Amino acid sequence: MKEFLSREAVPFTAYNVDEDERAYDDLVARGLRIIPVTVFGDRMVKGFDPGGLTALVAAWRAQPDRPAQP
């Protein structure tokens, strides 16, 4: 997941639910019990789904006010 997003030059924040109780609580609050999960706004991709991730990256790139690429 991290490698995919990095290769696409998409800035992201990674959370480790084993070490971060707040991140775990957020995951559960979203009704999820699976990792990894990628969240973009109200859209989510569960597991490693290249097609779903590609769609999220395209949505991110389409935002006129998106953060600059690193």
Protein backbone atom coordinates (compact mmCIF):
# COMPACT_ATOMS: atom_id res chain seq x y z
CA MET A 1 0.00 0.00 0.00
CA LYS A 2 2.65 2.50 1.05
CA GLU A 3 4.81 1.50 -1.91
CA PHE A 4 1.89 1.92 -4.32
CA LEU A 5 1.02 5.40 -3.04
CA SER A 6 4.67 6.45 -2.93
CA ARG A 7 5.22 5.25 -6.50
CA GLU A 8 2.21 7.35 -7.54
CA ALA A 9 3.67 10.37 -5.66
CA VAL A 10 0.58 10.61 -3.46
CA PRO A 11 1.16 12.09 -0.01
CA PHE A 12 -0.35 9.96 2.74
CA THR A 13 -0.33 9.35 6.47
CA ALA A 14 0.07 5.78 7.67
CA TYR A 15 -1.34 4.62 10.98
CA ASN A 16 -0.48 1.42 12.83
CA VAL A 17 -3.63 0.19 14.57
CA ASP A 18 -1.54 -2.18 16.70
CA GLU A 19 0.31 0.77 18.24
CA ASP A 20 -2.18 3.63 17.94
CA GLU A 21 -5.38 3.16 19.93
CA ARG A 22 -6.99 6.22 18.35
CA ALA A 23 -6.37 4.83 14.86
CA TYR A 24 -7.86 1.50 15.92
CA ASP A 25 -10.93 3.22 17.36
CA ASP A 26 -11.37 5.18 14.10
CA LEU A 27 -11.17 1.96 12.10
CA VAL A 28 -13.82 0.30 14.27
CA ALA A 29 -16.02 3.43 14.18
CA ARG A 30 -16.05 3.10 10.37
CA GLY A 31 -17.33 -0.44 10.78
CA LEU A 32 -14.08 -1.99 9.61
CA ARG A 33 -12.19 -4.95 11.00
CA ILE A 34 -9.75 -5.41 8.13
CA ILE A 35 -6.37 -3.89 7.41
CA PRO A 36 -4.97 -2.40 5.36
CA VAL A 37 -7.61 0.14 4.49
CA THR A 38 -7.08 3.31 2.50
CA VAL A 39 -9.41 6.23 3.21
CA PHE A 40 -9.89 9.21 0.91
CA GLY A 41 -12.67 11.50 2.06
CA ASP A 42 -15.73 9.30 2.37
CA ARG A 43 -14.34 6.60 0.05
CA MET A 44 -12.46 3.54 1.27
CA VAL A 45 -10.49 0.72 -0.31
CA LYS A 46 -10.26 -2.41 1.81
CA GLY A 47 -7.21 -4.62 1.50
CA PHE A 48 -4.74 -4.25 -1.34
CA ASP A 49 -6.94 -3.55 -4.35
CA PRO A 50 -4.88 -2.03 -7.19
CA GLY A 51 -8.00 -1.07 -9.17
CA GLY A 52 -9.61 0.60 -6.18
CA LEU A 53 -6.39 2.40 -5.28
CA THR A 54 -5.98 3.58 -8.87
CA ALA A 55 -9.50 5.03 -8.73
CA LEU A 56 -8.71 6.84 -5.46
CA VAL A 57 -5.49 8.24 -6.91
CA ALA A 58 -7.40 9.48 -9.96
CA ALA A 59 -9.98 11.15 -7.69
CA TRP A 60 -7.18 12.78 -5.69
CA ARG A 61 -5.48 14.05 -8.85
CA ALA A 62 -8.77 15.48 -10.11
CA GLN A 63 -9.09 17.75 -7.06
CA PRO A 64 -8.22 21.32 -8.04
CA ASP A 65 -7.05 22.16 -4.50
CA ARG A 66 -5.15 18.94 -3.77
CA PRO A 67 -1.90 19.03 -1.81
CA ALA A 68 1.21 19.43 -3.92
CA GLN A 69 3.04 16.27 -4.85
CA PRO A 70 6.33 15.74 -3.04
